[in-house]
Amino acid sequence: MNKSEFVKYISTTRNCTQIEAEKALDMFVSSVTGALAEGNEVSLIGFGNFSVSKVEARAGRNPQTGAAIQIKAYNQPKFKTGQKLKDAVNNK
């Protein structure tokens, strides 16, 4: 399901307009993105946790040439599902 299909799904299931649904979705995504960029963790009990972990710099290889390269350190966003979400997708 892409974003426009998801917006349509929200508007249908929550009895709101597609514009309101898209605004709500955009606010959620930008808020979580902003919080993670500031180094915060977002915990939604039952749904899951959004966090950032640091990946250290390391040596790698260019798959086309086989030449050694240095991969820079970076921050990796992560999501860990909550129990209610796990149960919902497993029909418990």
PDB file of N, CA and C in Angstrom:
ATOM      1  N   MET A   1       0.859  -1.169   0.000  1.00  0.00           N
ATOM      2  CA  MET A   1       0.000   0.000   0.000  1.00  0.00           C
ATOM      3  C   MET A   1       0.907   1.235   0.000  1.00  0.00           C
ATOM      4  N   ASN A   2       0.754   2.090  -1.008  1.00  0.00           N
ATOM      5  CA  ASN A   2       1.554   3.312  -1.039  1.00  0.00           C
ATOM      6  C   ASN A   2       0.857   4.419  -0.247  1.00  0.00           C
ATOM      7  N   LYS A   3       1.461   5.618  -0.221  1.00  0.00           N
ATOM      8  CA  LYS A   3       0.941   6.691   0.619  1.00  0.00           C
ATOM      9  C   LYS A   3      -0.485   7.094   0.229  1.00  0.00           C
ATOM     10  N   SER A   4      -0.750   7.281  -1.056  1.00  0.00           N
ATOM     11  CA  SER A   4      -2.092   7.717  -1.462  1.00  0.00           C
ATOM     12  C   SER A   4      -3.142   6.659  -1.140  1.00  0.00           C
ATOM     13  N   GLU A   5      -2.796   5.386  -1.299  1.00  0.00           N
ATOM     14  CA  GLU A   5      -3.725   4.312  -0.939  1.00  0.00           C
ATOM     15  C   GLU A   5      -3.955   4.280   0.572  1.00  0.00           C
ATOM     16  N   PHE A   6      -2.885   4.536   1.334  1.00  0.00           N
ATOM     17  CA  PHE A   6      -3.001   4.547   2.794  1.00  0.00           C
ATOM     18  C   PHE A   6      -3.853   5.724   3.255  1.00  0.00           C
ATOM     19  N   VAL A   7      -3.682   6.885   2.637  1.00  0.00           N
ATOM     20  CA  VAL A   7      -4.502   8.060   2.968  1.00  0.00           C
ATOM     21  C   VAL A   7      -5.971   7.761   2.689  1.00  0.00           C
ATOM     22  N   LYS A   8      -6.247   7.127   1.572  1.00  0.00           N
ATOM     23  CA  LYS A   8      -7.626   6.762   1.229  1.00  0.00           C
ATOM     24  C   LYS A   8      -8.179   5.762   2.254  1.00  0.00           C
ATOM     25  N   TYR A   9      -7.350   4.805   2.670  1.00  0.00           N
ATOM     26  CA  TYR A   9      -7.749   3.819   3.682  1.00  0.00           C
ATOM     27  C   TYR A   9      -8.092   4.520   4.999  1.00  0.00           C
ATOM     28  N   ILE A  10      -7.239   5.450   5.431  1.00  0.00           N
ATOM     29  CA  ILE A  10      -7.487   6.183   6.675  1.00  0.00           C
ATOM     30  C   ILE A  10      -8.796   6.961   6.577  1.00  0.00           C
ATOM     31  N   SER A  11      -8.978   7.678   5.477  1.00  0.00           N
ATOM     32  CA  SER A  11     -10.183   8.503   5.348  1.00  0.00           C
ATOM     33  C   SER A  11     -11.457   7.661   5.334  1.00  0.00           C
ATOM     34  N   THR A  12     -11.375   6.476   4.758  1.00  0.00           N
ATOM     35  CA  THR A  12     -12.538   5.590   4.708  1.00  0.00           C
ATOM     36  C   THR A  12     -12.832   4.968   6.068  1.00  0.00           C
ATOM     37  N   THR A  13     -11.796   4.473   6.735  1.00  0.00           N
ATOM     38  CA  THR A  13     -12.010   3.765   8.006  1.00  0.00           C
ATOM     39  C   THR A  13     -12.220   4.703   9.184  1.00  0.00           C
ATOM     40  N   ARG A  14     -11.747   5.936   9.109  1.00  0.00           N
ATOM     41  CA  ARG A  14     -11.859   6.870  10.235  1.00  0.00           C
ATOM     42  C   ARG A  14     -12.846   8.003   9.975  1.00  0.00           C
ATOM     43  N   ASN A  15     -13.598   7.915   8.867  1.00  0.00           N
ATOM     44  CA  ASN A  15     -14.659   8.861   8.564  1.00  0.00           C
ATOM     45  C   ASN A  15     -14.160  10.308   8.583  1.00  0.00           C
ATOM     46  N   CYS A  16     -13.129  10.586   7.790  1.00  0.00           N
ATOM     47  CA  CYS A  16     -12.620  11.942   7.631  1.00  0.00           C
ATOM     48  C   CYS A  16     -12.290  12.151   6.158  1.00  0.00           C
ATOM     49  N   THR A  17     -11.961  13.384   5.798  1.00  0.00           N
ATOM     50  CA  THR A  17     -11.621  13.658   4.405  1.00  0.00           C
ATOM     51  C   THR A  17     -10.210  13.171   4.113  1.00  0.00           C
ATOM     52  N   GLN A  18      -9.919  12.997   2.829  1.00  0.00           N
ATOM     53  CA  GLN A  18      -8.573  12.573   2.450  1.00  0.00           C
ATOM     54  C   GLN A  18      -7.553  13.661   2.775  1.00  0.00           C
ATOM     55  N   ILE A  19      -7.943  14.910   2.708  1.00  0.00           N
ATOM     56  CA  ILE A  19      -7.040  16.018   3.049  1.00  0.00           C
ATOM     57  C   ILE A  19      -6.682  15.967   4.531  1.00  0.00           C
ATOM     58  N   GLU A  20      -7.675  15.741   5.388  1.00  0.00           N
ATOM     59  CA  GLU A  20      -7.411  15.635   6.827  1.00  0.00           C
ATOM     60  C   GLU A  20      -6.524  14.430   7.124  1.00  0.00           C
ATOM     61  N   ALA A  21      -6.800  13.318   6.457  1.00  0.00           N
ATOM     62  CA  ALA A  21      -6.002  12.103   6.670  1.00  0.00           C
ATOM     63  C   ALA A  21      -4.565  12.320   6.237  1.00  0.00           C
ATOM     64  N   GLU A  22      -4.368  12.977   5.102  1.00  0.00           N
ATOM     65  CA  GLU A  22      -3.002  13.228   4.621  1.00  0.00           C
ATOM     66  C   GLU A  22      -2.261  14.181   5.549  1.00  0.00           C
ATOM     67  N   LYS A  23      -2.941  15.207   6.053  1.00  0.00           N
ATOM     68  CA  LYS A  23      -2.317  16.141   6.997  1.00  0.00           C
ATOM     69  C   LYS A  23      -1.894  15.416   8.272  1.00  0.00           C
ATOM     70  N   ALA A  24      -2.760  14.548   8.785  1.00  0.00           N
ATOM     71  CA  ALA A  24      -2.441  13.799  10.001  1.00  0.00           C
ATOM     72  C   ALA A  24      -1.236  12.883   9.768  1.00  0.00           C
ATOM     73  N   LEU A  25      -1.211  12.198   8.643  1.00  0.00           N
ATOM     74  CA  LEU A  25      -0.100  11.312   8.317  1.00  0.00           C
ATOM     75  C   LEU A  25       1.193  12.099   8.157  1.00  0.00           C
ATOM     76  N   ASP A  26       1.141  13.227   7.459  1.00  0.00           N
ATOM     77  CA  ASP A  26       2.327  14.063   7.268  1.00  0.00           C
ATOM     78  C   ASP A  26       2.845  14.606   8.598  1.00  0.00           C
ATOM     79  N   MET A  27       1.921  15.008   9.495  1.00  0.00           N
ATOM     80  CA  MET A  27       2.337  15.497  10.813  1.00  0.00           C
ATOM     81  C   MET A  27       3.026  14.400  11.611  1.00  0.00           C
ATOM     82  N   PHE A  28       2.481  13.186  11.553  1.00  0.00           N
ATOM     83  CA  PHE A  28       3.084  12.066  12.276  1.00  0.00           C
ATOM     84  C   PHE A  28       4.486  11.778  11.750  1.00  0.00           C
ATOM     85  N   VAL A  29       4.616  11.662  10.438  1.00  0.00           N
ATOM     86  CA  VAL A  29       5.915  11.327   9.838  1.00  0.00           C
ATOM     87  C   VAL A  29       6.946  12.421  10.121  1.00  0.00           C
ATOM     88  N   SER A  30       6.572  13.677   9.941  1.00  0.00           N
ATOM     89  CA  SER A  30       7.534  14.759  10.169  1.00  0.00           C
ATOM     90  C   SER A  30       7.897  14.887  11.645  1.00  0.00           C
ATOM     91  N   SER A  31       6.953  14.623  12.528  1.00  0.00           N
ATOM     92  CA  SER A  31       7.234  14.695  13.967  1.00  0.00           C
ATOM     93  C   SER A  31       8.183  13.588  14.405  1.00  0.00           C
ATOM     94  N   VAL A  32       7.962  12.371  13.936  1.00  0.00           N
ATOM     95  CA  VAL A  32       8.853  11.264  14.282  1.00  0.00           C
ATOM     96  C   VAL A  32      10.242  11.512  13.685  1.00  0.00           C
ATOM     97  N   THR A  33      10.285  11.968  12.436  1.00  0.00           N
ATOM     98  CA  THR A  33      11.564  12.268  11.785  1.00  0.00           C
ATOM     99  C   THR A  33      12.329  13.336  12.550  1.00  0.00           C
ATOM    100  N   GLY A  34      11.642  14.397  12.932  1.00  0.00           N
ATOM    101  CA  GLY A  34      12.281  15.476  13.688  1.00  0.00           C
ATOM    102  C   GLY A  34      12.793  15.026  15.039  1.00  0.00           C
ATOM    103  N   ALA A  35      11.997  14.232  15.736  1.00  0.00           N
ATOM    104  CA  ALA A  35      12.409  13.741  17.051  1.00  0.00           C
ATOM    105  C   ALA A  35      13.645  12.846  16.932  1.00  0.00           C
ATOM    106  N   LEU A  36      13.658  11.963  15.933  1.00  0.00           N
ATOM    107  CA  LEU A  36      14.818  11.089  15.745  1.00  0.00           C
ATOM    108  C   LEU A  36      16.049  11.889  15.342  1.00  0.00           C
ATOM    109  N   ALA A  37      15.875  12.915  14.516  1.00  0.00           N
ATOM    110  CA  ALA A  37      17.001  13.748  14.091  1.00  0.00           C
ATOM    111  C   ALA A  37      17.618  14.481  15.279  1.00  0.00           C
ATOM    112  N   GLU A  38      16.807  14.788  16.295  1.00  0.00           N
ATOM    113  CA  GLU A  38      17.299  15.456  17.502  1.00  0.00           C
ATOM    114  C   GLU A  38      17.908  14.465  18.496  1.00  0.00           C
ATOM    115  N   GLY A  39      17.866  13.173  18.171  1.00  0.00           N
ATOM    116  CA  GLY A  39      18.456  12.162  19.045  1.00  0.00           C
ATOM    117  C   GLY A  39      17.486  11.574  20.049  1.00  0.00           C
ATOM    118  N   ASN A  40      16.203  11.868  19.913  1.00  0.00           N
ATOM    119  CA  ASN A  40      15.200  11.334  20.833  1.00  0.00           C
ATOM    120  C   ASN A  40      14.670   9.996  20.343  1.00  0.00           C
ATOM    121  N   GLU A  41      14.101   9.242  21.262  1.00  0.00           N
ATOM    122  CA  GLU A  41      13.420   7.990  20.924  1.00  0.00           C
ATOM    123  C   GLU A  41      11.924   8.230  21.041  1.00  0.00           C
ATOM    124  N   VAL A  42      11.141   7.656  20.132  1.00  0.00           N
ATOM    125  CA  VAL A  42       9.686   7.788  20.169  1.00  0.00           C
ATOM    126  C   VAL A  42       9.110   6.425  20.516  1.00  0.00           C
ATOM    127  N   SER A  43       8.396   6.354  21.636  1.00  0.00           N
ATOM    128  CA  SER A  43       7.830   5.099  22.107  1.00  0.00           C
ATOM    129  C   SER A  43       6.309   5.207  22.132  1.00  0.00           C
ATOM    130  N   LEU A  44       5.652   4.397  21.308  1.00  0.00           N
ATOM    131  CA  LEU A  44       4.193   4.347  21.269  1.00  0.00           C
ATOM    132  C   LEU A  44       3.779   2.980  21.808  1.00  0.00           C
ATOM    133  N   ILE A  45       3.362   2.938  23.066  1.00  0.00           N
ATOM    134  CA  ILE A  45       3.087   1.678  23.750  1.00  0.00           C
ATOM    135  C   ILE A  45       2.061   0.872  22.969  1.00  0.00           C
ATOM    136  N   GLY A  46       2.386  -0.382  22.717  1.00  0.00           N
ATOM    137  CA  GLY A  46       1.529  -1.273  21.967  1.00  0.00           C
ATOM    138  C   GLY A  46       1.822  -1.266  20.473  1.00  0.00           C
ATOM    139  N   PHE A  47       2.303  -0.137  19.955  1.00  0.00           N
ATOM    140  CA  PHE A  47       2.609  -0.028  18.524  1.00  0.00           C
ATOM    141  C   PHE A  47       4.078  -0.327  18.268  1.00  0.00           C
ATOM    142  N   GLY A  48       4.974   0.392  18.950  1.00  0.00           N
ATOM    143  CA  GLY A  48       6.398   0.140  18.764  1.00  0.00           C
ATOM    144  C   GLY A  48       7.255   1.320  19.170  1.00  0.00           C
ATOM    145  N   ASN A  49       8.561   1.146  18.998  1.00  0.00           N
ATOM    146  CA  ASN A  49       9.550   2.160  19.358  1.00  0.00           C
ATOM    147  C   ASN A  49      10.369   2.545  18.135  1.00  0.00           C
ATOM    148  N   PHE A  50      10.501   3.844  17.918  1.00  0.00           N
ATOM    149  CA  PHE A  50      11.390   4.371  16.898  1.00  0.00           C
ATOM    150  C   PHE A  50      12.641   4.851  17.616  1.00  0.00           C
ATOM    151  N   SER A  51      13.813   4.466  17.130  1.00  0.00           N
ATOM    152  CA  SER A  51      15.056   4.885  17.758  1.00  0.00           C
ATOM    153  C   SER A  51      16.137   5.035  16.698  1.00  0.00           C
ATOM    154  N   VAL A  52      17.305   5.517  17.133  1.00  0.00           N
ATOM    155  CA  VAL A  52      18.452   5.687  16.249  1.00  0.00           C
ATOM    156  C   VAL A  52      19.632   4.961  16.875  1.00  0.00           C
ATOM    157  N   SER A  53      20.343   4.196  16.068  1.00  0.00           N
ATOM    158  CA  SER A  53      21.569   3.556  16.553  1.00  0.00           C
ATOM    159  C   SER A  53      22.725   3.982  15.671  1.00  0.00           C
ATOM    160  N   LYS A  54      23.889   4.074  16.274  1.00  0.00           N
ATOM    161  CA  LYS A  54      25.088   4.493  15.540  1.00  0.00           C
ATOM    162  C   LYS A  54      25.756   3.272  14.909  1.00  0.00           C
ATOM    163  N   VAL A  55      26.128   3.413  13.643  1.00  0.00           N
ATOM    164  CA  VAL A  55      26.872   2.374  12.934  1.00  0.00           C
ATOM    165  C   VAL A  55      28.285   2.908  12.756  1.00  0.00           C
ATOM    166  N   GLU A  56      29.259   2.170  13.244  1.00  0.00           N
ATOM    167  CA  GLU A  56      30.650   2.606  13.198  1.00  0.00           C
ATOM    168  C   GLU A  56      31.202   2.549  11.774  1.00  0.00           C
ATOM    169  N   ALA A  57      32.238   3.351  11.535  1.00  0.00           N
ATOM    170  CA  ALA A  57      32.926   3.320  10.246  1.00  0.00           C
ATOM    171  C   ALA A  57      33.600   1.961  10.085  1.00  0.00           C
ATOM    172  N   ARG A  58      33.695   1.503   8.833  1.00  0.00           N
ATOM    173  CA  ARG A  58      34.298   0.197   8.598  1.00  0.00           C
ATOM    174  C   ARG A  58      34.863   0.131   7.185  1.00  0.00           C
ATOM    175  N   ALA A  59      35.689  -0.869   6.960  1.00  0.00           N
ATOM    176  CA  ALA A  59      36.253  -1.090   5.634  1.00  0.00           C
ATOM    177  C   ALA A  59      35.286  -1.938   4.826  1.00  0.00           C
ATOM    178  N   GLY A  60      35.206  -1.667   3.527  1.00  0.00           N
ATOM    179  CA  GLY A  60      34.346  -2.434   2.647  1.00  0.00           C
ATOM    180  C   GLY A  60      35.005  -2.595   1.290  1.00  0.00           C
ATOM    181  N   ARG A  61      34.282  -3.176   0.356  1.00  0.00           N
ATOM    182  CA  ARG A  61      34.790  -3.372  -1.008  1.00  0.00           C
ATOM    183  C   ARG A  61      33.757  -2.899  -2.014  1.00  0.00           C
ATOM    184  N   ASN A  62      34.239  -2.283  -3.089  1.00  0.00           N
ATOM    185  CA  ASN A  62      33.384  -1.914  -4.205  1.00  0.00           C
ATOM    186  C   ASN A  62      33.066  -3.201  -4.954  1.00  0.00           C
ATOM    187  N   PRO A  63      31.798  -3.597  -5.068  1.00  0.00           N
ATOM    188  CA  PRO A  63      31.477  -4.874  -5.695  1.00  0.00           C
ATOM    189  C   PRO A  63      31.810  -4.930  -7.191  1.00  0.00           C
ATOM    190  N   GLN A  64      31.862  -3.778  -7.856  1.00  0.00           N
ATOM    191  CA  GLN A  64      32.183  -3.782  -9.283  1.00  0.00           C
ATOM    192  C   GLN A  64      33.669  -3.928  -9.551  1.00  0.00           C
ATOM    193  N   THR A  65      34.496  -3.225  -8.741  1.00  0.00           N
ATOM    194  CA  THR A  65      35.928  -3.235  -9.005  1.00  0.00           C
ATOM    195  C   THR A  65      36.724  -4.081  -8.018  1.00  0.00           C
ATOM    196  N   GLY A  66      36.136  -4.354  -6.865  1.00  0.00           N
ATOM    197  CA  GLY A  66      36.850  -5.099  -5.832  1.00  0.00           C
ATOM    198  C   GLY A  66      37.801  -4.234  -5.024  1.00  0.00           C
ATOM    199  N   ALA A  67      37.842  -2.931  -5.323  1.00  0.00           N
ATOM    200  CA  ALA A  67      38.736  -2.016  -4.617  1.00  0.00           C
ATOM    201  C   ALA A  67      38.256  -1.803  -3.184  1.00  0.00           C
ATOM    202  N   ALA A  68      39.216  -1.675  -2.272  1.00  0.00           N
ATOM    203  CA  ALA A  68      38.892  -1.418  -0.871  1.00  0.00           C
ATOM    204  C   ALA A  68      38.406   0.018  -0.728  1.00  0.00           C
ATOM    205  N   ILE A  69      37.357   0.204   0.080  1.00  0.00           N
ATOM    206  CA  ILE A  69      36.825   1.541   0.358  1.00  0.00           C
ATOM    207  C   ILE A  69      36.554   1.661   1.850  1.00  0.00           C
ATOM    208  N   GLN A  70      36.471   2.893   2.307  1.00  0.00           N
ATOM    209  CA  GLN A  70      36.145   3.150   3.713  1.00  0.00           C
ATOM    210  C   GLN A  70      34.699   3.620   3.776  1.00  0.00           C
ATOM    211  N   ILE A  71      33.878   2.919   4.527  1.00  0.00           N
ATOM    212  CA  ILE A  71      32.471   3.285   4.709  1.00  0.00           C
ATOM    213  C   ILE A  71      32.381   4.158   5.956  1.00  0.00           C
ATOM    214  N   LYS A  72      31.815   5.351   5.799  1.00  0.00           N
ATOM    215  CA  LYS A  72      31.719   6.309   6.904  1.00  0.00           C
ATOM    216  C   LYS A  72      30.740   5.835   7.970  1.00  0.00           C
ATOM    217  N   ALA A  73      30.933   6.328   9.188  1.00  0.00           N
ATOM    218  CA  ALA A  73      29.988   6.076  10.280  1.00  0.00           C
ATOM    219  C   ALA A  73      28.692   6.824   9.971  1.00  0.00           C
ATOM    220  N   TYR A  74      27.569   6.267  10.411  1.00  0.00           N
ATOM    221  CA  TYR A  74      26.279   6.920  10.188  1.00  0.00           C
ATOM    222  C   TYR A  74      25.287   6.487  11.251  1.00  0.00           C
ATOM    223  N   ASN A  75      24.174   7.210  11.314  1.00  0.00           N
ATOM    224  CA  ASN A  75      23.090   6.891  12.232  1.00  0.00           C
ATOM    225  C   ASN A  75      22.020   6.120  11.474  1.00  0.00           C
ATOM    226  N   GLN A  76      21.576   5.012  12.046  1.00  0.00           N
ATOM    227  CA  GLN A  76      20.598   4.136  11.407  1.00  0.00           C
ATOM    228  C   GLN A  76      19.282   4.203  12.176  1.00  0.00           C
ATOM    229  N   PRO A  77      18.185   4.664  11.540  1.00  0.00           N
ATOM    230  CA  PRO A  77      16.895   4.632  12.236  1.00  0.00           C
ATOM    231  C   PRO A  77      16.408   3.191  12.373  1.00  0.00           C
ATOM    232  N   LYS A  78      15.771   2.897  13.501  1.00  0.00           N
ATOM    233  CA  LYS A  78      15.263   1.549  13.753  1.00  0.00           C
ATOM    234  C   LYS A  78      13.833   1.618  14.278  1.00  0.00           C
ATOM    235  N   PHE A  79      13.097   0.543  14.031  1.00  0.00           N
ATOM    236  CA  PHE A  79      11.742   0.418  14.560  1.00  0.00           C
ATOM    237  C   PHE A  79      11.596  -0.974  15.148  1.00  0.00           C
ATOM    238  N   LYS A  80      11.147  -1.030  16.389  1.00  0.00           N
ATOM    239  CA  LYS A  80      10.891  -2.312  17.057  1.00  0.00           C
ATOM    240  C   LYS A  80       9.396  -2.374  17.349  1.00  0.00           C
ATOM    241  N   THR A  81       8.739  -3.420  16.857  1.00  0.00           N
ATOM    242  CA  THR A  81       7.289  -3.521  17.004  1.00  0.00           C
ATOM    243  C   THR A  81       6.878  -3.809  18.442  1.00  0.00           C
ATOM    244  N   GLY A  82       5.702  -3.292  18.802  1.00  0.00           N
ATOM    245  CA  GLY A  82       5.119  -3.549  20.106  1.00  0.00           C
ATOM    246  C   GLY A  82       4.279  -4.824  20.074  1.00  0.00           C
ATOM    247  N   GLN A  83       3.940  -5.322  21.243  1.00  0.00           N
ATOM    248  CA  GLN A  83       3.215  -6.588  21.347  1.00  0.00           C
ATOM    249  C   GLN A  83       1.818  -6.525  20.736  1.00  0.00           C
ATOM    250  N   LYS A  84       1.094  -5.416  20.925  1.00  0.00           N
ATOM    251  CA  LYS A  84      -0.257  -5.308  20.361  1.00  0.00           C
ATOM    252  C   LYS A  84      -0.213  -5.364  18.837  1.00  0.00           C
ATOM    253  N   LEU A  85       0.791  -4.733  18.230  1.00  0.00           N
ATOM    254  CA  LEU A  85       0.935  -4.766  16.773  1.00  0.00           C
ATOM    255  C   LEU A  85       1.273  -6.177  16.304  1.00  0.00           C
ATOM    256  N   LYS A  86       2.159  -6.848  17.015  1.00  0.00           N
ATOM    257  CA  LYS A  86       2.489  -8.233  16.677  1.00  0.00           C
ATOM    258  C   LYS A  86       1.252  -9.134  16.740  1.00  0.00           C
ATOM    259  N   ASP A  87       0.491  -8.954  17.815  1.00  0.00           N
ATOM    260  CA  ASP A  87      -0.725  -9.755  17.979  1.00  0.00           C
ATOM    261  C   ASP A  87      -1.750  -9.461  16.879  1.00  0.00           C
ATOM    262  N   ALA A  88      -1.883  -8.185  16.498  1.00  0.00           N
ATOM    263  CA  ALA A  88      -2.865  -7.811  15.486  1.00  0.00           C
ATOM    264  C   ALA A  88      -2.538  -8.420  14.116  1.00  0.00           C
ATOM    265  N   VAL A  89      -1.281  -8.458  13.733  1.00  0.00           N
ATOM    266  CA  VAL A  89      -0.935  -9.028  12.430  1.00  0.00           C
ATOM    267  C   VAL A  89      -0.920 -10.547  12.452  1.00  0.00           C
ATOM    268  N   ASN A  90      -0.914 -11.127  13.640  1.00  0.00           N
ATOM    269  CA  ASN A  90      -0.974 -12.585  13.769  1.00  0.00           C
ATOM    270  C   ASN A  90      -2.353 -13.049  14.218  1.00  0.00           C
ATOM    271  N   ASN A  91      -3.342 -12.147  14.180  1.00  0.00           N
ATOM    272  CA  ASN A  91      -4.734 -12.438  14.491  1.00  0.00           C
ATOM    273  C   ASN A  91      -4.926 -13.098  15.849  1.00  0.00           C
ATOM    274  N   LYS A  92      -4.260 -12.590  16.871  1.00  0.00           N
ATOM    275  CA  LYS A  92      -4.414 -13.147  18.215  1.00  0.00           C
ATOM    276  C   LYS A  92      -5.438 -12.357  18.991  1.00  0.00           C
TER     277      LYS A  92
END
